[in-house]
mmCIF file of all heavy atoms, coordinates in Angstrom:
data_MODEL
# 
_entry.id   MODEL 
# 
loop_
_atom_site.group_PDB 
_atom_site.id 
_atom_site.type_symbol 
_atom_site.label_atom_id 
_atom_site.label_alt_id 
_atom_site.label_comp_id 
_atom_site.label_asym_id 
_atom_site.label_entity_id 
_atom_site.label_seq_id 
_atom_site.pdbx_PDB_ins_code 
_atom_site.Cartn_x 
_atom_site.Cartn_y 
_atom_site.Cartn_z 
_atom_site.occupancy 
_atom_site.B_iso_or_equiv 
_atom_site.pdbx_formal_charge 
_atom_site.auth_seq_id 
_atom_site.auth_comp_id 
_atom_site.auth_asym_id 
_atom_site.auth_atom_id 
_atom_site.pdbx_PDB_model_num 
ATOM 1   N N   . MET A 1 1  ? 108.329 95.061  136.945 1.00 0.00 ? 1  MET A N   1 
ATOM 2   C CA  . MET A 1 1  ? 108.386 93.900  136.054 1.00 0.00 ? 1  MET A CA  1 
ATOM 3   C C   . MET A 1 1  ? 108.168 94.345  134.609 1.00 0.00 ? 1  MET A C   1 
ATOM 4   O O   . MET A 1 1  ? 107.291 95.138  134.313 1.00 0.00 ? 1  MET A O   1 
ATOM 5   C CB  . MET A 1 1  ? 107.303 92.889  136.469 1.00 0.00 ? 1  MET A CB  1 
ATOM 6   C CG  . MET A 1 1  ? 107.314 91.623  135.691 1.00 0.00 ? 1  MET A CG  1 
ATOM 7   S SD  . MET A 1 1  ? 106.179 90.455  136.475 1.00 0.00 ? 1  MET A SD  1 
ATOM 8   C CE  . MET A 1 1  ? 106.103 89.239  135.230 1.00 0.00 ? 1  MET A CE  1 
ATOM 9   N N   . THR A 1 2  ? 108.988 93.832  133.710 1.00 0.00 ? 2  THR A N   1 
ATOM 10  C CA  . THR A 1 2  ? 108.910 94.188  132.306 1.00 0.00 ? 2  THR A CA  1 
ATOM 11  C C   . THR A 1 2  ? 107.674 93.569  131.665 1.00 0.00 ? 2  THR A C   1 
ATOM 12  O O   . THR A 1 2  ? 107.334 92.416  131.931 1.00 0.00 ? 2  THR A O   1 
ATOM 13  C CB  . THR A 1 2  ? 110.168 93.671  131.566 1.00 0.00 ? 2  THR A CB  1 
ATOM 14  O OG1 . THR A 1 2  ? 111.310 94.213  132.214 1.00 0.00 ? 2  THR A OG1 1 
ATOM 15  C CG2 . THR A 1 2  ? 110.159 94.095  130.122 1.00 0.00 ? 2  THR A CG2 1 
ATOM 16  N N   . LYS A 1 3  ? 107.010 94.354  130.832 1.00 0.00 ? 3  LYS A N   1 
ATOM 17  C CA  . LYS A 1 3  ? 105.859 93.838  130.108 1.00 0.00 ? 3  LYS A CA  1 
ATOM 18  C C   . LYS A 1 3  ? 106.306 92.803  129.081 1.00 0.00 ? 3  LYS A C   1 
ATOM 19  O O   . LYS A 1 3  ? 107.376 92.939  128.493 1.00 0.00 ? 3  LYS A O   1 
ATOM 20  C CB  . LYS A 1 3  ? 105.154 94.968  129.361 1.00 0.00 ? 3  LYS A CB  1 
ATOM 21  C CG  . LYS A 1 3  ? 104.426 95.944  130.221 1.00 0.00 ? 3  LYS A CG  1 
ATOM 22  C CD  . LYS A 1 3  ? 103.732 96.951  129.319 1.00 0.00 ? 3  LYS A CD  1 
ATOM 23  C CE  . LYS A 1 3  ? 102.946 97.952  130.141 1.00 0.00 ? 3  LYS A CE  1 
ATOM 24  N NZ  . LYS A 1 3  ? 102.281 98.924  129.278 1.00 0.00 ? 3  LYS A NZ  1 
ATOM 25  N N   . THR A 1 4  ? 105.482 91.790  128.866 1.00 0.00 ? 4  THR A N   1 
ATOM 26  C CA  . THR A 1 4  ? 105.760 90.856  127.774 1.00 0.00 ? 4  THR A CA  1 
ATOM 27  C C   . THR A 1 4  ? 105.371 91.547  126.472 1.00 0.00 ? 4  THR A C   1 
ATOM 28  O O   . THR A 1 4  ? 104.705 92.584  126.478 1.00 0.00 ? 4  THR A O   1 
ATOM 29  C CB  . THR A 1 4  ? 104.966 89.545  127.930 1.00 0.00 ? 4  THR A CB  1 
ATOM 30  O OG1 . THR A 1 4  ? 103.579 89.843  127.789 1.00 0.00 ? 4  THR A OG1 1 
ATOM 31  C CG2 . THR A 1 4  ? 105.244 88.881  129.264 1.00 0.00 ? 4  THR A CG2 1 
ATOM 32  N N   . ILE A 1 5  ? 105.736 90.969  125.370 1.00 0.00 ? 5  ILE A N   1 
ATOM 33  C CA  . ILE A 1 5  ? 105.445 91.574  124.079 1.00 0.00 ? 5  ILE A CA  1 
ATOM 34  C C   . ILE A 1 5  ? 103.941 91.754  123.873 1.00 0.00 ? 5  ILE A C   1 
ATOM 35  O O   . ILE A 1 5  ? 103.499 92.769  123.367 1.00 0.00 ? 5  ILE A O   1 
ATOM 36  C CB  . ILE A 1 5  ? 106.101 90.782  122.911 1.00 0.00 ? 5  ILE A CB  1 
ATOM 37  C CG1 . ILE A 1 5  ? 105.979 91.538  121.588 1.00 0.00 ? 5  ILE A CG1 1 
ATOM 38  C CG2 . ILE A 1 5  ? 105.526 89.393  122.779 1.00 0.00 ? 5  ILE A CG2 1 
ATOM 39  C CD1 . ILE A 1 5  ? 106.895 92.699  121.470 1.00 0.00 ? 5  ILE A CD1 1 
ATOM 40  N N   . VAL A 1 6  ? 103.139 90.798  124.298 1.00 0.00 ? 6  VAL A N   1 
ATOM 41  C CA  . VAL A 1 6  ? 101.696 90.878  124.051 1.00 0.00 ? 6  VAL A CA  1 
ATOM 42  C C   . VAL A 1 6  ? 100.991 91.879  124.960 1.00 0.00 ? 6  VAL A C   1 
ATOM 43  O O   . VAL A 1 6  ? 99.866  92.270  124.684 1.00 0.00 ? 6  VAL A O   1 
ATOM 44  C CB  . VAL A 1 6  ? 101.018 89.488  124.148 1.00 0.00 ? 6  VAL A CB  1 
ATOM 45  C CG1 . VAL A 1 6  ? 101.553 88.558  123.068 1.00 0.00 ? 6  VAL A CG1 1 
ATOM 46  C CG2 . VAL A 1 6  ? 101.180 88.877  125.518 1.00 0.00 ? 6  VAL A CG2 1 
ATOM 47  N N   . GLU A 1 7  ? 101.621 92.315  126.037 1.00 0.00 ? 7  GLU A N   1 
ATOM 48  C CA  . GLU A 1 7  ? 101.021 93.298  126.935 1.00 0.00 ? 7  GLU A CA  1 
ATOM 49  C C   . GLU A 1 7  ? 101.252 94.724  126.471 1.00 0.00 ? 7  GLU A C   1 
ATOM 50  O O   . GLU A 1 7  ? 100.713 95.663  127.034 1.00 0.00 ? 7  GLU A O   1 
ATOM 51  C CB  . GLU A 1 7  ? 101.566 93.116  128.352 1.00 0.00 ? 7  GLU A CB  1 
ATOM 52  C CG  . GLU A 1 7  ? 101.158 91.810  128.995 1.00 0.00 ? 7  GLU A CG  1 
ATOM 53  C CD  . GLU A 1 7  ? 101.867 91.570  130.314 1.00 0.00 ? 7  GLU A CD  1 
ATOM 54  O OE1 . GLU A 1 7  ? 103.041 91.961  130.440 1.00 0.00 ? 7  GLU A OE1 1 
ATOM 55  O OE2 . GLU A 1 7  ? 101.241 90.986  131.209 1.00 0.00 ? 7  GLU A OE2 1 
ATOM 56  N N   . ARG A 1 8  ? 102.043 94.899  125.438 1.00 0.00 ? 8  ARG A N   1 
ATOM 57  C CA  . ARG A 1 8  ? 102.333 96.233  124.916 1.00 0.00 ? 8  ARG A CA  1 
ATOM 58  C C   . ARG A 1 8  ? 101.262 96.646  123.913 1.00 0.00 ? 8  ARG A C   1 
ATOM 59  O O   . ARG A 1 8  ? 100.551 95.800  123.366 1.00 0.00 ? 8  ARG A O   1 
ATOM 60  C CB  . ARG A 1 8  ? 103.719 96.247  124.267 1.00 0.00 ? 8  ARG A CB  1 
ATOM 61  C CG  . ARG A 1 8  ? 104.821 95.921  125.265 1.00 0.00 ? 8  ARG A CG  1 
ATOM 62  C CD  . ARG A 1 8  ? 106.147 95.698  124.571 1.00 0.00 ? 8  ARG A CD  1 
ATOM 63  N NE  . ARG A 1 8  ? 107.104 95.100  125.473 1.00 0.00 ? 8  ARG A NE  1 
ATOM 64  C CZ  . ARG A 1 8  ? 108.080 95.762  126.080 1.00 0.00 ? 8  ARG A CZ  1 
ATOM 65  N NH1 . ARG A 1 8  ? 108.214 97.053  125.883 1.00 0.00 ? 8  ARG A NH1 1 
ATOM 66  N NH2 . ARG A 1 8  ? 108.909 95.137  126.883 1.00 0.00 ? 8  ARG A NH2 1 
ATOM 67  N N   . THR A 1 9  ? 101.168 97.934  123.649 1.00 0.00 ? 9  THR A N   1 
ATOM 68  C CA  . THR A 1 9  ? 100.216 98.427  122.665 1.00 0.00 ? 9  THR A CA  1 
ATOM 69  C C   . THR A 1 9  ? 100.692 98.065  121.257 1.00 0.00 ? 9  THR A C   1 
ATOM 70  O O   . THR A 1 9  ? 101.877 97.750  121.049 1.00 0.00 ? 9  THR A O   1 
ATOM 71  C CB  . THR A 1 9  ? 100.075 99.957  122.749 1.00 0.00 ? 9  THR A CB  1 
ATOM 72  O OG1 . THR A 1 9  ? 101.320 100.558 122.354 1.00 0.00 ? 9  THR A OG1 1 
ATOM 73  C CG2 . THR A 1 9  ? 99.681  100.411 124.152 1.00 0.00 ? 9  THR A CG2 1 
ATOM 74  N N   . ASP A 1 10 ? 99.784  98.134  120.300 1.00 0.00 ? 10 ASP A N   1 
ATOM 75  C CA  . ASP A 1 10 ? 100.163 97.892  118.902 1.00 0.00 ? 10 ASP A CA  1 
ATOM 76  C C   . ASP A 1 10 ? 101.295 98.829  118.488 1.00 0.00 ? 10 ASP A C   1 
ATOM 77  O O   . ASP A 1 10 ? 102.253 98.406  117.840 1.00 0.00 ? 10 ASP A O   1 
ATOM 78  C CB  . ASP A 1 10 ? 98.973  98.101  117.968 1.00 0.00 ? 10 ASP A CB  1 
ATOM 79  C CG  . ASP A 1 10 ? 97.970  96.969  117.997 1.00 0.00 ? 10 ASP A CG  1 
ATOM 80  O OD1 . ASP A 1 10 ? 98.123  96.044  118.836 1.00 0.00 ? 10 ASP A OD1 1 
ATOM 81  O OD2 . ASP A 1 10 ? 97.029  97.000  117.182 1.00 0.00 ? 10 ASP A OD2 1 
ATOM 82  N N   . GLU A 1 11 ? 101.184 100.094 118.853 1.00 0.00 ? 11 GLU A N   1 
ATOM 83  C CA  . GLU A 1 11 ? 102.197 101.083 118.481 1.00 0.00 ? 11 GLU A CA  1 
ATOM 84  C C   . GLU A 1 11 ? 103.554 100.731 119.084 1.00 0.00 ? 11 GLU A C   1 
ATOM 85  O O   . GLU A 1 11 ? 104.596 100.870 118.423 1.00 0.00 ? 11 GLU A O   1 
ATOM 86  C CB  . GLU A 1 11 ? 101.767 102.483 118.927 1.00 0.00 ? 11 GLU A CB  1 
ATOM 87  C CG  . GLU A 1 11 ? 100.547 103.020 118.200 1.00 0.00 ? 11 GLU A CG  1 
ATOM 88  C CD  . GLU A 1 11 ? 99.221  102.435 118.677 1.00 0.00 ? 11 GLU A CD  1 
ATOM 89  O OE1 . GLU A 1 11 ? 99.148  101.845 119.796 1.00 0.00 ? 11 GLU A OE1 1 
ATOM 90  O OE2 . GLU A 1 11 ? 98.235  102.543 117.918 1.00 0.00 ? 11 GLU A OE2 1 
ATOM 91  N N   . GLN A 1 12 ? 103.569 100.259 120.325 1.00 0.00 ? 12 GLN A N   1 
ATOM 92  C CA  . GLN A 1 12 ? 104.830 99.874  120.961 1.00 0.00 ? 12 GLN A CA  1 
ATOM 93  C C   . GLN A 1 12 ? 105.433 98.651  120.277 1.00 0.00 ? 12 GLN A C   1 
ATOM 94  O O   . GLN A 1 12 ? 106.646 98.592  120.048 1.00 0.00 ? 12 GLN A O   1 
ATOM 95  C CB  . GLN A 1 12 ? 104.614 99.583  122.454 1.00 0.00 ? 12 GLN A CB  1 
ATOM 96  C CG  . GLN A 1 12 ? 104.313 100.806 123.284 1.00 0.00 ? 12 GLN A CG  1 
ATOM 97  C CD  . GLN A 1 12 ? 103.891 100.466 124.702 1.00 0.00 ? 12 GLN A CD  1 
ATOM 98  O OE1 . GLN A 1 12 ? 103.225 99.451  124.952 1.00 0.00 ? 12 GLN A OE1 1 
ATOM 99  N NE2 . GLN A 1 12 ? 104.273 101.313 125.647 1.00 0.00 ? 12 GLN A NE2 1 
ATOM 100 N N   . ILE A 1 13 ? 104.596 97.690  119.951 1.00 0.00 ? 13 ILE A N   1 
ATOM 101 C CA  . ILE A 1 13 ? 105.081 96.472  119.291 1.00 0.00 ? 13 ILE A CA  1 
ATOM 102 C C   . ILE A 1 13 ? 105.634 96.803  117.907 1.00 0.00 ? 13 ILE A C   1 
ATOM 103 O O   . ILE A 1 13 ? 106.710 96.336  117.528 1.00 0.00 ? 13 ILE A O   1 
ATOM 104 C CB  . ILE A 1 13 ? 103.971 95.404  119.216 1.00 0.00 ? 13 ILE A CB  1 
ATOM 105 C CG1 . ILE A 1 13 ? 103.616 94.917  120.632 1.00 0.00 ? 13 ILE A CG1 1 
ATOM 106 C CG2 . ILE A 1 13 ? 104.396 94.236  118.328 1.00 0.00 ? 13 ILE A CG2 1 
ATOM 107 C CD1 . ILE A 1 13 ? 102.390 94.037  120.708 1.00 0.00 ? 13 ILE A CD1 1 
ATOM 108 N N   . ILE A 1 14 ? 104.922 97.627  117.162 1.00 0.00 ? 14 ILE A N   1 
ATOM 109 C CA  . ILE A 1 14 ? 105.394 98.015  115.829 1.00 0.00 ? 14 ILE A CA  1 
ATOM 110 C C   . ILE A 1 14 ? 106.721 98.765  115.948 1.00 0.00 ? 14 ILE A C   1 
ATOM 111 O O   . ILE A 1 14 ? 107.648 98.535  115.166 1.00 0.00 ? 14 ILE A O   1 
ATOM 112 C CB  . ILE A 1 14 ? 104.325 98.839  115.085 1.00 0.00 ? 14 ILE A CB  1 
ATOM 113 C CG1 . ILE A 1 14 ? 103.142 97.925  114.728 1.00 0.00 ? 14 ILE A CG1 1 
ATOM 114 C CG2 . ILE A 1 14 ? 104.908 99.501  113.843 1.00 0.00 ? 14 ILE A CG2 1 
ATOM 115 C CD1 . ILE A 1 14 ? 101.898 98.655  114.256 1.00 0.00 ? 14 ILE A CD1 1 
ATOM 116 N N   . ALA A 1 15 ? 106.836 99.642  116.938 1.00 0.00 ? 15 ALA A N   1 
ATOM 117 C CA  . ALA A 1 15 ? 108.092 100.383 117.138 1.00 0.00 ? 15 ALA A CA  1 
ATOM 118 C C   . ALA A 1 15 ? 109.247 99.434  117.456 1.00 0.00 ? 15 ALA A C   1 
ATOM 119 O O   . ALA A 1 15 ? 110.380 99.659  117.011 1.00 0.00 ? 15 ALA A O   1 
ATOM 120 C CB  . ALA A 1 15 ? 107.922 101.408 118.256 1.00 0.00 ? 15 ALA A CB  1 
ATOM 121 N N   . LEU A 1 16 ? 108.988 98.372  118.196 1.00 0.00 ? 16 LEU A N   1 
ATOM 122 C CA  . LEU A 1 16 ? 110.018 97.372  118.489 1.00 0.00 ? 16 LEU A CA  1 
ATOM 123 C C   . LEU A 1 16 ? 110.339 96.522  117.257 1.00 0.00 ? 16 LEU A C   1 
ATOM 124 O O   . LEU A 1 16 ? 111.481 96.112  117.047 1.00 0.00 ? 16 LEU A O   1 
ATOM 125 C CB  . LEU A 1 16 ? 109.573 96.461  119.632 1.00 0.00 ? 16 LEU A CB  1 
ATOM 126 C CG  . LEU A 1 16 ? 109.499 97.087  121.019 1.00 0.00 ? 16 LEU A CG  1 
ATOM 127 C CD1 . LEU A 1 16 ? 108.789 96.148  121.989 1.00 0.00 ? 16 LEU A CD1 1 
ATOM 128 C CD2 . LEU A 1 16 ? 110.901 97.409  121.522 1.00 0.00 ? 16 LEU A CD2 1 
ATOM 129 N N   . ALA A 1 17 ? 109.327 96.260  116.439 1.00 0.00 ? 17 ALA A N   1 
ATOM 130 C CA  . ALA A 1 17 ? 109.492 95.394  115.276 1.00 0.00 ? 17 ALA A CA  1 
ATOM 131 C C   . ALA A 1 17 ? 110.200 96.082  114.115 1.00 0.00 ? 17 ALA A C   1 
ATOM 132 O O   . ALA A 1 17 ? 110.935 95.431  113.361 1.00 0.00 ? 17 ALA A O   1 
ATOM 133 C CB  . ALA A 1 17 ? 108.129 94.886  114.810 1.00 0.00 ? 17 ALA A CB  1 
ATOM 134 N N   . GLU A 1 18 ? 109.998 97.385  113.963 1.00 0.00 ? 18 GLU A N   1 
ATOM 135 C CA  . GLU A 1 18 ? 110.543 98.104  112.807 1.00 0.00 ? 18 GLU A CA  1 
ATOM 136 C C   . GLU A 1 18 ? 112.061 97.939  112.642 1.00 0.00 ? 18 GLU A C   1 
ATOM 137 O O   . GLU A 1 18 ? 112.529 97.640  111.543 1.00 0.00 ? 18 GLU A O   1 
ATOM 138 C CB  . GLU A 1 18 ? 110.168 99.584  112.859 1.00 0.00 ? 18 GLU A CB  1 
ATOM 139 C CG  . GLU A 1 18 ? 108.760 99.878  112.395 1.00 0.00 ? 18 GLU A CG  1 
ATOM 140 C CD  . GLU A 1 18 ? 108.543 99.726  110.897 1.00 0.00 ? 18 GLU A CD  1 
ATOM 141 O OE1 . GLU A 1 18 ? 109.522 99.676  110.122 1.00 0.00 ? 18 GLU A OE1 1 
ATOM 142 O OE2 . GLU A 1 18 ? 107.369 99.659  110.499 1.00 0.00 ? 18 GLU A OE2 1 
ATOM 143 N N   . PRO A 1 19 ? 112.869 98.129  113.703 1.00 0.00 ? 19 PRO A N   1 
ATOM 144 C CA  . PRO A 1 19 ? 114.318 97.958  113.498 1.00 0.00 ? 19 PRO A CA  1 
ATOM 145 C C   . PRO A 1 19 ? 114.711 96.511  113.173 1.00 0.00 ? 19 PRO A C   1 
ATOM 146 O O   . PRO A 1 19 ? 115.676 96.283  112.427 1.00 0.00 ? 19 PRO A O   1 
ATOM 147 C CB  . PRO A 1 19 ? 114.954 98.412  114.812 1.00 0.00 ? 19 PRO A CB  1 
ATOM 148 C CG  . PRO A 1 19 ? 113.854 98.694  115.756 1.00 0.00 ? 19 PRO A CG  1 
ATOM 149 C CD  . PRO A 1 19 ? 112.562 98.641  115.023 1.00 0.00 ? 19 PRO A CD  1 
ATOM 150 N N   . LEU A 1 20 ? 113.963 95.539  113.685 1.00 0.00 ? 20 LEU A N   1 
ATOM 151 C CA  . LEU A 1 20 ? 114.243 94.143  113.352 1.00 0.00 ? 20 LEU A CA  1 
ATOM 152 C C   . LEU A 1 20 ? 113.948 93.889  111.877 1.00 0.00 ? 20 LEU A C   1 
ATOM 153 O O   . LEU A 1 20 ? 114.730 93.231  111.176 1.00 0.00 ? 20 LEU A O   1 
ATOM 154 C CB  . LEU A 1 20 ? 113.437 93.194  114.235 1.00 0.00 ? 20 LEU A CB  1 
ATOM 155 C CG  . LEU A 1 20 ? 114.010 92.880  115.609 1.00 0.00 ? 20 LEU A CG  1 
ATOM 156 C CD1 . LEU A 1 20 ? 114.104 94.085  116.503 1.00 0.00 ? 20 LEU A CD1 1 
ATOM 157 C CD2 . LEU A 1 20 ? 113.188 91.789  116.290 1.00 0.00 ? 20 LEU A CD2 1 
ATOM 158 N N   . LEU A 1 21 ? 112.816 94.423  111.403 1.00 0.00 ? 21 LEU A N   1 
ATOM 159 C CA  . LEU A 1 21 ? 112.485 94.273  109.989 1.00 0.00 ? 21 LEU A CA  1 
ATOM 160 C C   . LEU A 1 21 ? 113.498 95.009  109.117 1.00 0.00 ? 21 LEU A C   1 
ATOM 161 O O   . LEU A 1 21 ? 113.936 94.481  108.090 1.00 0.00 ? 21 LEU A O   1 
ATOM 162 C CB  . LEU A 1 21 ? 111.072 94.782  109.704 1.00 0.00 ? 21 LEU A CB  1 
ATOM 163 C CG  . LEU A 1 21 ? 110.648 94.760  108.233 1.00 0.00 ? 21 LEU A CG  1 
ATOM 164 C CD1 . LEU A 1 21 ? 110.754 93.358  107.637 1.00 0.00 ? 21 LEU A CD1 1 
ATOM 165 C CD2 . LEU A 1 21 ? 109.254 95.329  108.075 1.00 0.00 ? 21 LEU A CD2 1 
ATOM 166 N N   . GLN A 1 22 ? 113.891 96.201  109.516 1.00 0.00 ? 22 GLN A N   1 
ATOM 167 C CA  . GLN A 1 22 ? 114.862 96.957  108.727 1.00 0.00 ? 22 GLN A CA  1 
ATOM 168 C C   . GLN A 1 22 ? 116.182 96.202  108.619 1.00 0.00 ? 22 GLN A C   1 
ATOM 169 O O   . GLN A 1 22 ? 116.799 96.142  107.548 1.00 0.00 ? 22 GLN A O   1 
ATOM 170 C CB  . GLN A 1 22 ? 115.092 98.348  109.323 1.00 0.00 ? 22 GLN A CB  1 
ATOM 171 C CG  . GLN A 1 22 ? 115.924 99.245  108.431 1.00 0.00 ? 22 GLN A CG  1 
ATOM 172 C CD  . GLN A 1 22 ? 115.236 99.515  107.099 1.00 0.00 ? 22 GLN A CD  1 
ATOM 173 O OE1 . GLN A 1 22 ? 114.094 99.958  107.062 1.00 0.00 ? 22 GLN A OE1 1 
ATOM 174 N NE2 . GLN A 1 22 ? 115.936 99.251  105.995 1.00 0.00 ? 22 GLN A NE2 1 
ATOM 175 N N   . ASN A 1 23 ? 116.616 95.606  109.716 1.00 0.00 ? 23 ASN A N   1 
ATOM 176 C CA  . ASN A 1 23 ? 117.851 94.821  109.713 1.00 0.00 ? 23 ASN A CA  1 
ATOM 177 C C   . ASN A 1 23 ? 117.727 93.628  108.756 1.00 0.00 ? 23 ASN A C   1 
ATOM 178 O O   . ASN A 1 23 ? 118.640 93.342  107.981 1.00 0.00 ? 23 ASN A O   1 
ATOM 179 C CB  . ASN A 1 23 ? 118.149 94.345  111.138 1.00 0.00 ? 23 ASN A CB  1 
ATOM 180 C CG  . ASN A 1 23 ? 119.618 94.172  111.391 1.00 0.00 ? 23 ASN A CG  1 
ATOM 181 O OD1 . ASN A 1 23 ? 120.432 94.918  110.886 1.00 0.00 ? 23 ASN A OD1 1 
ATOM 182 N ND2 . ASN A 1 23 ? 119.948 93.180  112.191 1.00 0.00 ? 23 ASN A ND2 1 
ATOM 183 N N   . LEU A 1 24 ? 116.596 92.957  108.801 1.00 0.00 ? 24 LEU A N   1 
ATOM 184 C CA  . LEU A 1 24 ? 116.342 91.817  107.920 1.00 0.00 ? 24 LEU A CA  1 
ATOM 185 C C   . LEU A 1 24 ? 116.376 92.263  106.458 1.00 0.00 ? 24 LEU A C   1 
ATOM 186 O O   . LEU A 1 24 ? 117.040 91.653  105.617 1.00 0.00 ? 24 LEU A O   1 
ATOM 187 C CB  . LEU A 1 24 ? 114.988 91.195  108.277 1.00 0.00 ? 24 LEU A CB  1 
ATOM 188 C CG  . LEU A 1 24 ? 114.562 89.971  107.490 1.00 0.00 ? 24 LEU A CG  1 
ATOM 189 C CD1 . LEU A 1 24 ? 113.842 88.992  108.407 1.00 0.00 ? 24 LEU A CD1 1 
ATOM 190 C CD2 . LEU A 1 24 ? 113.647 90.345  106.350 1.00 0.00 ? 24 LEU A CD2 1 
ATOM 191 N N   . LEU A 1 25 ? 115.677 93.364  106.141 1.00 0.00 ? 25 LEU A N   1 
ATOM 192 C CA  . LEU A 1 25 ? 115.643 93.850  104.758 1.00 0.00 ? 25 LEU A CA  1 
ATOM 193 C C   . LEU A 1 25 ? 117.012 94.344  104.299 1.00 0.00 ? 25 LEU A C   1 
ATOM 194 O O   . LEU A 1 25 ? 117.419 94.080  103.162 1.00 0.00 ? 25 LEU A O   1 
ATOM 195 C CB  . LEU A 1 25 ? 114.600 94.964  104.623 1.00 0.00 ? 25 LEU A CB  1 
ATOM 196 C CG  . LEU A 1 25 ? 113.145 94.533  104.785 1.00 0.00 ? 25 LEU A CG  1 
ATOM 197 C CD1 . LEU A 1 25 ? 112.234 95.757  104.801 1.00 0.00 ? 25 LEU A CD1 1 
ATOM 198 C CD2 . LEU A 1 25 ? 112.727 93.543  103.718 1.00 0.00 ? 25 LEU A CD2 1 
ATOM 199 N N   . ASP A 1 26 ? 117.729 95.052  105.166 1.00 0.00 ? 26 ASP A N   1 
ATOM 200 C CA  . ASP A 1 26 ? 119.076 95.517  104.814 1.00 0.00 ? 26 ASP A CA  1 
ATOM 201 C C   . ASP A 1 26 ? 120.003 94.335  104.543 1.00 0.00 ? 26 ASP A C   1 
ATOM 202 O O   . ASP A 1 26 ? 120.792 94.360  103.596 1.00 0.00 ? 26 ASP A O   1 
ATOM 203 C CB  . ASP A 1 26 ? 119.673 96.385  105.925 1.00 0.00 ? 26 ASP A CB  1 
ATOM 204 C CG  . ASP A 1 26 ? 119.015 97.750  106.042 1.00 0.00 ? 26 ASP A CG  1 
ATOM 205 O OD1 . ASP A 1 26 ? 118.263 98.148  105.124 1.00 0.00 ? 26 ASP A OD1 1 
ATOM 206 O OD2 . ASP A 1 26 ? 119.244 98.414  107.078 1.00 0.00 ? 26 ASP A OD2 1 
# 
């Protein structure tokens, strides 16, 4: 079963968030 976003570590969440933020900024 896939972990939900809140079950991931801070580092994992930030790694997932970075490309979304980069896309938004670009």
